[in-house]
Structures are given as structure tokens and as C-alpha cells.
C-alpha atoms as a PDB file:
ATOM      1  CA  MET A   1     130.072 104.553  95.272  1.00  0.00           C
ATOM      2  CA  ALA A   2     132.380 101.871  96.633  1.00  0.00           C
ATOM      3  CA  ARG A   3     133.386 104.192  99.464  1.00  0.00           C
ATOM      4  CA  ARG A   4     129.691 104.246 100.436  1.00  0.00           C
ATOM      5  CA  GLY A   5     129.625 100.439 100.502  1.00  0.00           C
ATOM      6  CA  ALA A   6     127.795 100.060  97.189  1.00  0.00           C
ATOM      7  CA  PHE A   7     129.112  97.992  94.298  1.00  0.00           C
ATOM      8  CA  LEU A   8     127.593  97.798  90.834  1.00  0.00           C
ATOM      9  CA  SER A   9     125.980  94.540  89.711  1.00  0.00           C
ATOM     10  CA  THR A  10     127.254  92.459  86.825  1.00  0.00           C
ATOM     11  CA  PRO A  11     126.203  93.877  83.432  1.00  0.00           C
ATOM     12  CA  SER A  12     122.765  92.948  82.114  1.00  0.00           C
ATOM     13  CA  ARG A  13     121.464  93.661  78.592  1.00  0.00           C
ATOM     14  CA  GLN A  14     118.063  95.347  78.272  1.00  0.00           C
ATOM     15  CA  ASP A  15     116.168  95.429  74.990  1.00  0.00           C
ATOM     16  CA  ASP A  16     113.322  97.956  75.204  1.00  0.00           C
ATOM     17  CA  GLN A  17     110.630  98.909  72.743  1.00  0.00           C
ATOM     18  CA  ALA A  18     109.052 102.250  73.658  1.00  0.00           C
ATOM     19  CA  TYR A  19     105.444 103.133  72.749  1.00  0.00           C
ATOM     20  CA  ALA A  20     103.390 106.327  72.794  1.00  0.00           C
ATOM     21  CA  GLU A  21      99.669 107.063  72.751  1.00  0.00           C
ATOM     22  CA  ALA A  22      98.241 107.464  69.257  1.00  0.00           C
ATOM     23  CA  GLY A  23      98.389 111.125  68.239  1.00  0.00           C
ATOM     24  CA  TRP A  24     101.394 112.038  70.415  1.00  0.00           C
ATOM     25  CA  THR A  25     104.603 113.248  68.716  1.00  0.00           C
ATOM     26  CA  TYR A  26     108.054 114.128  70.044  1.00  0.00           C
ATOM     27  CA  GLU A  27     107.322 117.814  69.505  1.00  0.00           C
ATOM     28  CA  GLN A  28     104.637 117.627  72.243  1.00  0.00           C
ATOM     29  CA  SER A  29     105.009 117.520  76.024  1.00  0.00           C
ATOM     30  CA  LYS A  30     105.045 114.102  77.664  1.00  0.00           C
ATOM     31  CA  VAL A  31     103.439 115.379  80.886  1.00  0.00           C
ATOM     32  CA  GLY A  32     100.012 113.856  81.472  1.00  0.00           C
ATOM     33  CA  ARG A  33     100.297 111.361  78.596  1.00  0.00           C
ATOM     34  CA  ALA A  34     100.646 107.584  78.961  1.00  0.00           C
ATOM     35  CA  PHE A  35     103.682 105.799  77.536  1.00  0.00           C
ATOM     36  CA  SER A  36     104.507 102.132  77.622  1.00  0.00           C
ATOM     37  CA  ARG A  37     107.593  99.990  77.344  1.00  0.00           C
ATOM     38  CA  LEU A  38     108.183  96.345  76.576  1.00  0.00           C
ATOM     39  CA  ARG A  39     111.541  95.192  77.991  1.00  0.00           C
ATOM     40  CA  THR A  40     113.392  91.907  77.649  1.00  0.00           C
ATOM     41  CA  GLN A  41     116.159  91.297  80.198  1.00  0.00           C
ATOM     42  CA  ASP A  42     117.703  88.020  81.302  1.00  0.00           C
ATOM     43  CA  GLY A  43     115.016  86.019  79.477  1.00  0.00           C
ATOM     44  CA  ARG A  44     112.162  87.902  81.197  1.00  0.00           C
ATOM     45  CA  HIS A  45     109.685  90.257  79.508  1.00  0.00           C
ATOM     46  CA  LEU A  46     108.386  93.267  81.448  1.00  0.00           C
ATOM     47  CA  PHE A  47     105.501  95.517  80.437  1.00  0.00           C
ATOM     48  CA  THR A  48     105.548  99.014  81.931  1.00  0.00           C
ATOM     49  CA  VAL A  49     103.185 101.975  81.690  1.00  0.00           C
ATOM     50  CA  LYS A  50     104.388 105.413  82.773  1.00  0.00           C
ATOM     51  CA  ARG A  51     102.509 108.699  83.045  1.00  0.00           C
ATOM     52  CA  PRO A  52     104.739 111.760  83.591  1.00  0.00           C
ATOM     53  CA  ILE A  53     103.395 114.085  86.273  1.00  0.00           C
ATOM     54  CA  ASP A  54     105.664 117.027  87.191  1.00  0.00           C
ATOM     55  CA  ASN A  55     107.958 116.519  84.183  1.00  0.00           C
ATOM     56  CA  GLU A  56     108.934 113.618  81.963  1.00  0.00           C
ATOM     57  CA  MET A  57     111.249 112.157  84.612  1.00  0.00           C
ATOM     58  CA  ALA A  58     108.673 112.110  87.465  1.00  0.00           C
ATOM     59  CA  CYS A  59     106.142 109.421  86.565  1.00  0.00           C
ATOM     60  CA  LEU A  60     103.408 107.257  87.956  1.00  0.00           C
ATOM     61  CA  GLU A  61     104.609 103.792  86.972  1.00  0.00           C
ATOM     62  CA  HIS A  62     103.043 100.329  86.791  1.00  0.00           C
ATOM     63  CA  GLU A  63     104.982  97.229  85.752  1.00  0.00           C
ATOM     64  CA  THR A  64     104.320  93.508  85.386  1.00  0.00           C
ATOM     65  CA  GLU A  65     106.034  90.486  83.891  1.00  0.00           C
ATOM     66  CA  VAL A  66     104.499  88.984  80.742  1.00  0.00           C
ATOM     67  CA  ALA A  67     105.062  85.547  79.221  1.00  0.00           C
ATOM     68  CA  ASP A  68     105.015  86.375  75.507  1.00  0.00           C
ATOM     69  CA  ARG A  69     106.717  89.525  74.165  1.00  0.00           C
ATOM     70  CA  GLU A  70     105.156  89.364  70.687  1.00  0.00           C
ATOM     71  CA  ALA A  71     101.622  88.838  72.036  1.00  0.00           C
ATOM     72  CA  MET A  72     102.121  91.769  74.423  1.00  0.00           C
ATOM     73  CA  HIS A  73     103.392  93.934  71.553  1.00  0.00           C
ATOM     74  CA  GLN A  74     100.177  93.178  69.637  1.00  0.00           C
ATOM     75  CA  ALA A  75      98.080  93.977  72.735  1.00  0.00           C
ATOM     76  CA  ILE A  76      99.882  97.316  73.250  1.00  0.00           C
ATOM     77  CA  VAL A  77      99.205  98.301  69.632  1.00  0.00           C
ATOM     78  CA  ALA A  78      95.559  97.192  69.990  1.00  0.00           C
ATOM     79  CA  MET A  79      95.256  99.494  73.045  1.00  0.00           C
ATOM     80  CA  GLY A  80      96.074 102.505  70.852  1.00  0.00           C
ATOM     81  CA  PHE A  81      99.830 102.847  71.349  1.00  0.00           C
ATOM     82  CA  TYR A  82     102.373 102.920  68.547  1.00  0.00           C
ATOM     83  CA  PRO A  83     106.065 101.890  68.642  1.00  0.00           C
ATOM     84  CA  THR A  84     108.404 104.893  68.798  1.00  0.00           C
ATOM     85  CA  ILE A  85     112.024 103.810  69.308  1.00  0.00           C
ATOM     86  CA  ARG A  86     114.028 100.723  70.264  1.00  0.00           C
ATOM     87  CA  ILE A  87     116.465 101.230  73.146  1.00  0.00           C
ATOM     88  CA  VAL A  88     119.203  98.681  73.786  1.00  0.00           C
ATOM     89  CA  LYS A  89     121.501  99.152  76.747  1.00  0.00           C
ATOM     90  CA  VAL A  90     123.798  97.362  79.118  1.00  0.00           C
ATOM     91  CA  ARG A  91     122.906  98.187  82.716  1.00  0.00           C
ATOM     92  CA  ARG A  92     124.762  97.813  85.996  1.00  0.00           C
ATOM     93  CA  TRP A  93     123.068  98.913  89.200  1.00  0.00           C
ATOM     94  CA  CYS A  94     123.296  99.126  92.966  1.00  0.00           C
ATOM     95  CA  SER A  95     121.240 100.367  95.898  1.00  0.00           C
ATOM     96  CA  ILE A  96     122.203 102.875  98.543  1.00  0.00           C
ATOM     97  CA  GLY A  97     119.454 103.172 101.124  1.00  0.00           C
ATOM     98  CA  GLU A  98     116.258 104.162  99.291  1.00  0.00           C
ATOM     99  CA  LEU A  99     118.158 105.018  96.107  1.00  0.00           C
ATOM    100  CA  THR A 100     118.658 102.843  93.059  1.00  0.00           C
ATOM    101  CA  ILE A 101     121.639 103.861  90.956  1.00  0.00           C
ATOM    102  CA  CYS A 102     121.955 102.572  87.401  1.00  0.00           C
ATOM    103  CA  VAL A 103     124.904 102.998  85.052  1.00  0.00           C
ATOM    104  CA  ASP A 104     123.712 102.454  81.480  1.00  0.00           C
ATOM    105  CA  GLU A 105     125.679 102.109  78.255  1.00  0.00           C
ATOM    106  CA  VAL A 106     122.954 103.048  75.774  1.00  0.00           C
ATOM    107  CA  GLU A 107     123.524 102.048  72.149  1.00  0.00           C
ATOM    108  CA  HIS A 108     123.794 105.139  69.917  1.00  0.00           C
ATOM    109  CA  ALA A 109     123.545 107.568  72.862  1.00  0.00           C
ATOM    110  CA  GLY A 110     126.436 106.949  75.303  1.00  0.00           C
ATOM    111  CA  THR A 111     126.889 106.232  78.997  1.00  0.00           C
ATOM    112  CA  PHE A 112     124.468 107.578  81.592  1.00  0.00           C
ATOM    113  CA  MET A 113     123.919 107.332  85.319  1.00  0.00           C
ATOM    114  CA  GLU A 114     120.335 107.274  86.550  1.00  0.00           C
ATOM    115  CA  ILE A 115     119.412 107.738  90.196  1.00  0.00           C
ATOM    116  CA  GLU A 116     115.871 107.117  91.317  1.00  0.00           C
ATOM    117  CA  ARG A 117     113.736 106.540  94.342  1.00  0.00           C
ATOM    118  CA  THR A 118     110.059 106.139  95.000  1.00  0.00           C
ATOM    119  CA  VAL A 119     108.364 109.443  95.794  1.00  0.00           C
ATOM    120  CA  ARG A 120     105.998 109.415  98.753  1.00  0.00           C
ATOM    121  CA  GLN A 121     102.446 110.813  98.489  1.00  0.00           C
ATOM    122  CA  ASP A 122     103.378 114.028 100.336  1.00  0.00           C
ATOM    123  CA  GLU A 123     106.429 114.790  98.153  1.00  0.00           C
ATOM    124  CA  SER A 124     106.931 116.626  94.893  1.00  0.00           C
ATOM    125  CA  GLY A 125     108.700 114.656  92.162  1.00  0.00           C
ATOM    126  CA  ALA A 126     110.511 117.838  91.079  1.00  0.00           C
ATOM    127  CA  ALA A 127     111.770 118.453  94.639  1.00  0.00           C
ATOM    128  CA  VAL A 128     113.060 114.876  94.861  1.00  0.00           C
ATOM    129  CA  GLN A 129     114.893 115.393  91.553  1.00  0.00           C
ATOM    130  CA  VAL A 130     116.764 118.336  93.101  1.00  0.00           C
ATOM    131  CA  GLU A 131     117.697 116.084  96.040  1.00  0.00           C
ATOM    132  CA  LEU A 132     118.919 113.334  93.680  1.00  0.00           C
ATOM    133  CA  ASP A 133     120.942 115.847  91.655  1.00  0.00           C
ATOM    134  CA  ALA A 134     122.693 117.016  94.854  1.00  0.00           C
ATOM    135  CA  PHE A 135     123.461 113.400  95.736  1.00  0.00           C
ATOM    136  CA  ALA A 136     124.923 112.785  92.250  1.00  0.00           C
ATOM    137  CA  ARG A 137     127.120 115.887  92.440  1.00  0.00           C
ATOM    138  CA  GLY A 138     128.390 114.698  95.832  1.00  0.00           C
ATOM    139  CA  LEU A 139     129.813 111.527  94.273  1.00  0.00           C
ATOM    140  CA  GLY A 140     132.900 113.381  93.080  1.00  0.00           C
ATOM    141  CA  VAL A 141     132.412 112.443  89.430  1.00  0.00           C
ATOM    142  CA  GLU A 142     132.092 114.960  86.602  1.00  0.00           C
ATOM    143  CA  LEU A 143     128.477 114.800  85.416  1.00  0.00           C
ATOM    144  CA  ASP A 144     126.191 116.677  83.040  1.00  0.00           C
ATOM    145  CA  ARG A 145     122.527 116.538  84.028  1.00  0.00           C
ATOM    146  CA  THR A 146     119.941 115.726  81.376  1.00  0.00           C
ATOM    147  CA  SER A 147     116.184 115.791  81.619  1.00  0.00           C
ATOM    148  CA  ASP A 148     115.751 113.700  78.463  1.00  0.00           C
ATOM    149  CA  THR A 149     114.450 110.144  78.685  1.00  0.00           C
ATOM    150  CA  ASP A 150     116.219 107.212  77.000  1.00  0.00           C
ATOM    151  CA  ASP A 151     113.885 107.228  74.005  1.00  0.00           C
ATOM    152  CA  SER A 152     114.485 110.945  73.380  1.00  0.00           C
ATOM    153  CA  LEU A 153     118.269 110.519  73.753  1.00  0.00           C
ATOM    154  CA  VAL A 154     118.420 107.608  71.295  1.00  0.00           C
ATOM    155  CA  ARG A 155     116.072 109.329  68.840  1.00  0.00           C
ATOM    156  CA  SER A 156     118.210 112.482  68.906  1.00  0.00           C
ATOM    157  CA  ALA A 157     121.439 110.494  68.483  1.00  0.00           C
ATOM    158  CA  LEU A 158     120.042 108.569  65.490  1.00  0.00           C
ATOM    159  CA  ALA A 159     118.743 111.779  63.879  1.00  0.00           C
ATOM    160  CA  SER A 160     122.233 113.318  63.964  1.00  0.00           C
ATOM    161  CA  VAL A 161     123.849 110.368  62.134  1.00  0.00           C
END
């Protein structure tokens, strides 16, 4: 990435609690269901809601900062979500044009690179994923593509211990 003029940020620790709609289980598809996340990073708390559209990686997403993590946790549970898995990771990131590239060291699951960009109204999320995969393969680094989200990766890693 350095040869493209992009340098990763200093490491930042993220502590995420993932939530799912009541009644959803990991054996079911995530597409069309709402999921939420409560993240603490650098002393800030962020509340995010995602709804997968094309697949679990292509989501409508809404995010806002909240003042009180515990109060927000109680509100999320009151809205009908339940806590699924805790995800702790150290993230470094950079931007190249419209792309955001994150390198995450995820506790229990390993090191991952995530590339994302905002999908325009006239685009397919799945088609953009193919474009992002081609970009990743062009970096000259050996990569294995996964379509699992962080919560699924951590859950699977913990189950195999």
C-alpha cells in the first residue's frame, strides 16, 4: 500500500459488542435482518445498526456516537436485540481514493484485511465486492477471501477451542 502512497494509521483498540434481533440464530441467514453493534474506541462509544442486503457483507448502515455505553446497551436490549458475541481487535487503517482499508488483529480469530467503500444507489453491493476483491489481489499479498463477518469468525474460533 505504501507504493500507492497510503500508510496505515497508528493502532487503535476497538471493543465491540454485537447484537441480533430476538429470534435470530447463527444457523439462519443474516440477509434482511437488523443487527446492531456497540463499539468503544479511543474513549468514544459508537452505536451502529446494519441490515445486510445482497449478502452479509453488503449492508445498509447507520451509526451515531452515544455518551453512555451501559445506557445504550440497556436501550438496545429493550428494543428487542440480544447480545451475541464480544469482538476485541486492534485496527490500523488508511484510505486510497474512495476505499477504506483496515488491517485488524482480531482476538481469538487472527489478522484480517477489510476493504470497503460506499455503494452508490445505482450499484450492486455484490458487484462492488468483486471489484474490491480484484483490488485486494492486486496488492501483491497472499490473501484468502472470507465472507464471514467478525462476529461469525470469533464465534467459530471460540467454538473450536
